[in-house]
Amino acid sequence: MTTGITFPETPKARSTRRNIGIAVLALALPCAGCGLWLATTDQALSGWGGILIGLLLLIAGLHGVLSKPQLTVDDSGLGVKGFLLPNSNWSLLWSAVTHVKLMGASPQQALWFESAGRPPRVLEAFRYERFEELLKLVGEKLQALGQILEVVQPSKPA
């Protein structure tokens, strides 16, 4: 992607992601410790399973703590980068976008991007700073491509 407008993560979303990452890290150590203990007994298979679970929790926790995601929008498309694990980063070309919906009411809004052959991508308002500016920019890009931004209003309880 070429240089475009960057929308960083909000402080609240960053704090929540890091707190969850720390909690997961706190679970990783006892899990790996129990696994090591079990590996030295006659329950070796269970021990190796505990060690593996501990390692997976360690990776997930570090992913939450060390990642610094940011959304970039430019002339060619949009994408999220900055995650520790590369498969969490993504990009989407404007030409690949088949449908875009704005769902929910402020401040719980989300943009839903659909494209052929790829899973939908969702951008939540609480996660990125300057969401109103993002909405305006996406609307302009879609208008230039001859598409519209569908607005889906939440249903009100009866």
C-alpha atoms as a PDB file:
ATOM      1  CA  MET A   1       0.000   0.000   0.000  1.00  0.00           C
ATOM      2  CA  THR A   2       1.158   3.512  -0.690  1.00  0.00           C
ATOM      3  CA  THR A   3       1.306   6.166   2.000  1.00  0.00           C
ATOM      4  CA  GLY A   4      -2.172   7.159   3.123  1.00  0.00           C
ATOM      5  CA  ILE A   5      -4.066   8.329   6.161  1.00  0.00           C
ATOM      6  CA  THR A   6      -3.346   6.341   9.305  1.00  0.00           C
ATOM      7  CA  PHE A   7      -5.892   5.751  12.042  1.00  0.00           C
ATOM      8  CA  PRO A   8      -4.187   4.564  15.250  1.00  0.00           C
ATOM      9  CA  GLU A   9      -5.838   2.407  17.868  1.00  0.00           C
ATOM     10  CA  THR A  10      -7.719   4.290  20.604  1.00  0.00           C
ATOM     11  CA  PRO A  11      -6.138   4.339  24.075  1.00  0.00           C
ATOM     12  CA  LYS A  12      -9.103   2.389  25.513  1.00  0.00           C
ATOM     13  CA  ALA A  13      -8.857  -0.375  22.882  1.00  0.00           C
ATOM     14  CA  ARG A  14      -5.065  -0.536  23.365  1.00  0.00           C
ATOM     15  CA  SER A  15      -5.451  -0.788  27.141  1.00  0.00           C
ATOM     16  CA  THR A  16      -8.099  -3.507  26.870  1.00  0.00           C
ATOM     17  CA  ARG A  17      -6.016  -5.531  24.404  1.00  0.00           C
ATOM     18  CA  ARG A  18      -2.925  -5.263  26.616  1.00  0.00           C
ATOM     19  CA  ASN A  19      -4.828  -6.186  29.790  1.00  0.00           C
ATOM     20  CA  ILE A  20      -6.237  -9.292  28.107  1.00  0.00           C
ATOM     21  CA  GLY A  21      -2.730 -10.141  26.867  1.00  0.00           C
ATOM     22  CA  ILE A  22      -1.324  -9.833  30.396  1.00  0.00           C
ATOM     23  CA  ALA A  23      -4.104 -12.051  31.768  1.00  0.00           C
ATOM     24  CA  VAL A  24      -3.345 -14.685  29.133  1.00  0.00           C
ATOM     25  CA  LEU A  25       0.359 -14.470  29.961  1.00  0.00           C
ATOM     26  CA  ALA A  26      -0.515 -15.024  33.623  1.00  0.00           C
ATOM     27  CA  LEU A  27      -2.275 -18.261  32.639  1.00  0.00           C
ATOM     28  CA  ALA A  28       0.642 -19.438  30.503  1.00  0.00           C
ATOM     29  CA  LEU A  29       3.154 -19.796  33.335  1.00  0.00           C
ATOM     30  CA  PRO A  30       1.127 -22.088  35.628  1.00  0.00           C
ATOM     31  CA  CYS A  31       0.049 -24.155  32.628  1.00  0.00           C
ATOM     32  CA  ALA A  32       3.625 -24.674  31.480  1.00  0.00           C
ATOM     33  CA  GLY A  33       4.725 -25.309  35.085  1.00  0.00           C
ATOM     34  CA  CYS A  34       2.111 -28.021  35.585  1.00  0.00           C
ATOM     35  CA  GLY A  35       3.111 -29.476  32.249  1.00  0.00           C
ATOM     36  CA  LEU A  36       6.755 -29.620  33.265  1.00  0.00           C
ATOM     37  CA  TRP A  37       5.839 -31.289  36.527  1.00  0.00           C
ATOM     38  CA  LEU A  38       3.607 -33.843  34.801  1.00  0.00           C
ATOM     39  CA  ALA A  39       6.304 -34.516  32.185  1.00  0.00           C
ATOM     40  CA  THR A  40       8.619 -35.750  34.966  1.00  0.00           C
ATOM     41  CA  THR A  41       6.006 -38.214  36.287  1.00  0.00           C
ATOM     42  CA  ASP A  42       4.374 -41.219  34.677  1.00  0.00           C
ATOM     43  CA  GLN A  43       1.880 -38.777  33.072  1.00  0.00           C
ATOM     44  CA  ALA A  44       4.410 -37.585  30.459  1.00  0.00           C
ATOM     45  CA  LEU A  45       1.908 -37.255  27.603  1.00  0.00           C
ATOM     46  CA  SER A  46      -0.316 -34.991  29.703  1.00  0.00           C
ATOM     47  CA  GLY A  47       2.770 -33.041  30.700  1.00  0.00           C
ATOM     48  CA  TRP A  48       3.756 -32.351  27.108  1.00  0.00           C
ATOM     49  CA  GLY A  49       0.173 -31.254  26.427  1.00  0.00           C
ATOM     50  CA  GLY A  50       0.375 -28.814  29.344  1.00  0.00           C
ATOM     51  CA  ILE A  51       3.667 -27.445  28.066  1.00  0.00           C
ATOM     52  CA  LEU A  52       2.193 -26.995  24.585  1.00  0.00           C
ATOM     53  CA  ILE A  53      -0.885 -25.201  25.958  1.00  0.00           C
ATOM     54  CA  GLY A  54       1.402 -22.986  28.049  1.00  0.00           C
ATOM     55  CA  LEU A  55       3.456 -22.079  24.966  1.00  0.00           C
ATOM     56  CA  LEU A  56       0.332 -21.277  22.949  1.00  0.00           C
ATOM     57  CA  LEU A  57      -0.974 -19.059  25.751  1.00  0.00           C
ATOM     58  CA  LEU A  58       2.441 -17.370  25.922  1.00  0.00           C
ATOM     59  CA  ILE A  59       2.325 -16.584  22.194  1.00  0.00           C
ATOM     60  CA  ALA A  60      -1.268 -15.308  22.421  1.00  0.00           C
ATOM     61  CA  GLY A  61      -0.413 -13.123  25.419  1.00  0.00           C
ATOM     62  CA  LEU A  62       2.653 -11.640  23.758  1.00  0.00           C
ATOM     63  CA  HIS A  63       0.564 -10.986  20.641  1.00  0.00           C
ATOM     64  CA  GLY A  64      -1.860  -8.936  22.739  1.00  0.00           C
ATOM     65  CA  VAL A  65       0.796  -7.044  24.679  1.00  0.00           C
ATOM     66  CA  LEU A  66       3.315  -6.273  21.929  1.00  0.00           C
ATOM     67  CA  SER A  67       1.058  -5.586  18.932  1.00  0.00           C
ATOM     68  CA  LYS A  68       0.468  -1.985  17.821  1.00  0.00           C
ATOM     69  CA  PRO A  69      -2.257  -2.195  15.166  1.00  0.00           C
ATOM     70  CA  GLN A  70      -3.149   0.774  12.989  1.00  0.00           C
ATOM     71  CA  LEU A  71      -5.501   1.198  10.067  1.00  0.00           C
ATOM     72  CA  THR A  72      -4.205   2.780   6.866  1.00  0.00           C
ATOM     73  CA  VAL A  73      -6.462   4.064   4.083  1.00  0.00           C
ATOM     74  CA  ASP A  74      -5.015   5.196   0.750  1.00  0.00           C
ATOM     75  CA  ASP A  75      -5.900   5.395  -2.949  1.00  0.00           C
ATOM     76  CA  SER A  76      -5.374   1.680  -3.554  1.00  0.00           C
ATOM     77  CA  GLY A  77      -7.262   0.310  -0.536  1.00  0.00           C
ATOM     78  CA  LEU A  78      -7.242  -0.106   3.212  1.00  0.00           C
ATOM     79  CA  GLY A  79      -5.498  -2.406   5.629  1.00  0.00           C
ATOM     80  CA  VAL A  80      -4.581  -3.108   9.216  1.00  0.00           C
ATOM     81  CA  LYS A  81      -0.954  -3.713  10.124  1.00  0.00           C
ATOM     82  CA  GLY A  82       1.154  -3.752  13.256  1.00  0.00           C
ATOM     83  CA  PHE A  83       0.107  -7.069  14.773  1.00  0.00           C
ATOM     84  CA  LEU A  84       2.856  -9.333  16.077  1.00  0.00           C
ATOM     85  CA  LEU A  85       1.472 -12.356  14.226  1.00  0.00           C
ATOM     86  CA  PRO A  86       1.514 -11.665  10.457  1.00  0.00           C
ATOM     87  CA  ASN A  87      -1.749 -13.518   9.758  1.00  0.00           C
ATOM     88  CA  SER A  88      -3.610 -10.904  11.858  1.00  0.00           C
ATOM     89  CA  ASN A  89      -2.534  -8.140   9.457  1.00  0.00           C
ATOM     90  CA  TRP A  90      -4.695  -7.669   6.369  1.00  0.00           C
ATOM     91  CA  SER A  91      -5.277  -5.410   3.387  1.00  0.00           C
ATOM     92  CA  LEU A  92      -8.118  -4.982   0.929  1.00  0.00           C
ATOM     93  CA  LEU A  93      -7.981  -3.244  -2.446  1.00  0.00           C
ATOM     94  CA  TRP A  94     -10.826  -0.855  -3.262  1.00  0.00           C
ATOM     95  CA  SER A  95     -11.328  -2.713  -6.542  1.00  0.00           C
ATOM     96  CA  ALA A  96     -11.938  -5.958  -4.589  1.00  0.00           C
ATOM     97  CA  VAL A  97     -14.643  -4.466  -2.353  1.00  0.00           C
ATOM     98  CA  THR A  98     -18.084  -5.756  -3.368  1.00  0.00           C
ATOM     99  CA  HIS A  99     -20.254  -4.343  -0.572  1.00  0.00           C
ATOM    100  CA  VAL A 100     -19.830  -2.061   2.456  1.00  0.00           C
ATOM    101  CA  LYS A 101     -22.265  -1.667   5.349  1.00  0.00           C
ATOM    102  CA  LEU A 102     -22.273   0.781   8.245  1.00  0.00           C
ATOM    103  CA  MET A 103     -23.932  -1.044  11.099  1.00  0.00           C
ATOM    104  CA  GLY A 104     -25.063   0.111  14.537  1.00  0.00           C
ATOM    105  CA  ALA A 105     -25.542   3.497  16.121  1.00  0.00           C
ATOM    106  CA  SER A 106     -22.835   5.793  17.429  1.00  0.00           C
ATOM    107  CA  PRO A 107     -20.657   5.023  19.384  1.00  0.00           C
ATOM    108  CA  GLN A 108     -21.134   1.280  18.720  1.00  0.00           C
ATOM    109  CA  GLN A 109     -20.773   1.526  14.948  1.00  0.00           C
ATOM    110  CA  ALA A 110     -18.885  -0.831  12.684  1.00  0.00           C
ATOM    111  CA  LEU A 111     -17.945  -0.871   9.006  1.00  0.00           C
ATOM    112  CA  TRP A 112     -18.446  -4.267   7.330  1.00  0.00           C
ATOM    113  CA  PHE A 113     -16.404  -4.809   4.135  1.00  0.00           C
ATOM    114  CA  GLU A 114     -17.268  -7.713   1.827  1.00  0.00           C
ATOM    115  CA  SER A 115     -15.126  -8.899  -1.061  1.00  0.00           C
ATOM    116  CA  ALA A 116     -15.299 -11.896  -3.382  1.00  0.00           C
ATOM    117  CA  GLY A 117     -13.483 -14.958  -2.117  1.00  0.00           C
ATOM    118  CA  ARG A 118     -12.281 -13.412   1.148  1.00  0.00           C
ATOM    119  CA  PRO A 119     -13.749 -13.310   4.642  1.00  0.00           C
ATOM    120  CA  PRO A 120     -15.550 -10.078   5.573  1.00  0.00           C
ATOM    121  CA  ARG A 121     -13.497  -7.432   7.374  1.00  0.00           C
ATOM    122  CA  VAL A 122     -15.002  -5.432  10.230  1.00  0.00           C
ATOM    123  CA  LEU A 123     -13.734  -2.106  11.565  1.00  0.00           C
ATOM    124  CA  GLU A 124     -15.278  -1.134  14.909  1.00  0.00           C
ATOM    125  CA  ALA A 125     -15.688   2.528  15.872  1.00  0.00           C
ATOM    126  CA  PHE A 126     -14.300   2.024  19.381  1.00  0.00           C
ATOM    127  CA  ARG A 127     -11.060   0.534  18.084  1.00  0.00           C
ATOM    128  CA  TYR A 128      -9.718   3.359  15.888  1.00  0.00           C
ATOM    129  CA  GLU A 129      -9.349   7.088  16.484  1.00  0.00           C
ATOM    130  CA  ARG A 130     -11.193   9.589  14.227  1.00  0.00           C
ATOM    131  CA  PHE A 131     -13.876   7.124  13.090  1.00  0.00           C
ATOM    132  CA  GLU A 132     -16.031   9.917  11.621  1.00  0.00           C
ATOM    133  CA  GLU A 133     -13.125  10.938   9.374  1.00  0.00           C
ATOM    134  CA  LEU A 134     -12.729   7.285   8.374  1.00  0.00           C
ATOM    135  CA  LEU A 135     -16.437   7.089   7.464  1.00  0.00           C
ATOM    136  CA  LYS A 136     -16.142  10.200   5.287  1.00  0.00           C
ATOM    137  CA  LEU A 137     -13.036   8.875   3.536  1.00  0.00           C
ATOM    138  CA  VAL A 138     -14.580   5.453   2.881  1.00  0.00           C
ATOM    139  CA  GLY A 139     -17.732   7.125   1.538  1.00  0.00           C
ATOM    140  CA  GLU A 140     -15.657   9.228  -0.879  1.00  0.00           C
ATOM    141  CA  LYS A 141     -13.684   6.194  -2.104  1.00  0.00           C
ATOM    142  CA  LEU A 142     -16.880   4.186  -2.649  1.00  0.00           C
ATOM    143  CA  GLN A 143     -18.546   7.082  -4.479  1.00  0.00           C
ATOM    144  CA  ALA A 144     -15.540   7.340  -6.804  1.00  0.00           C
ATOM    145  CA  LEU A 145     -15.990   3.621  -7.592  1.00  0.00           C
ATOM    146  CA  GLY A 146     -19.739   4.016  -8.147  1.00  0.00           C
ATOM    147  CA  GLN A 147     -20.696   2.106  -5.006  1.00  0.00           C
ATOM    148  CA  ILE A 148     -22.772   3.191  -2.036  1.00  0.00           C
ATOM    149  CA  LEU A 149     -22.297   2.792   1.695  1.00  0.00           C
ATOM    150  CA  GLU A 150     -25.324   0.864   2.971  1.00  0.00           C
ATOM    151  CA  VAL A 151     -26.472   2.068   6.390  1.00  0.00           C
ATOM    152  CA  VAL A 152     -28.077  -0.629   8.528  1.00  0.00           C
ATOM    153  CA  GLN A 153     -29.964   0.830  11.481  1.00  0.00           C
ATOM    154  CA  PRO A 154     -30.264  -1.272  14.634  1.00  0.00           C
ATOM    155  CA  SER A 155     -33.765  -2.536  15.299  1.00  0.00           C
ATOM    156  CA  LYS A 156     -35.520  -1.076  18.322  1.00  0.00           C
ATOM    157  CA  PRO A 157     -37.002  -3.470  20.872  1.00  0.00           C
ATOM    158  CA  ALA A 158     -40.805  -3.676  20.825  1.00  0.00           C
END
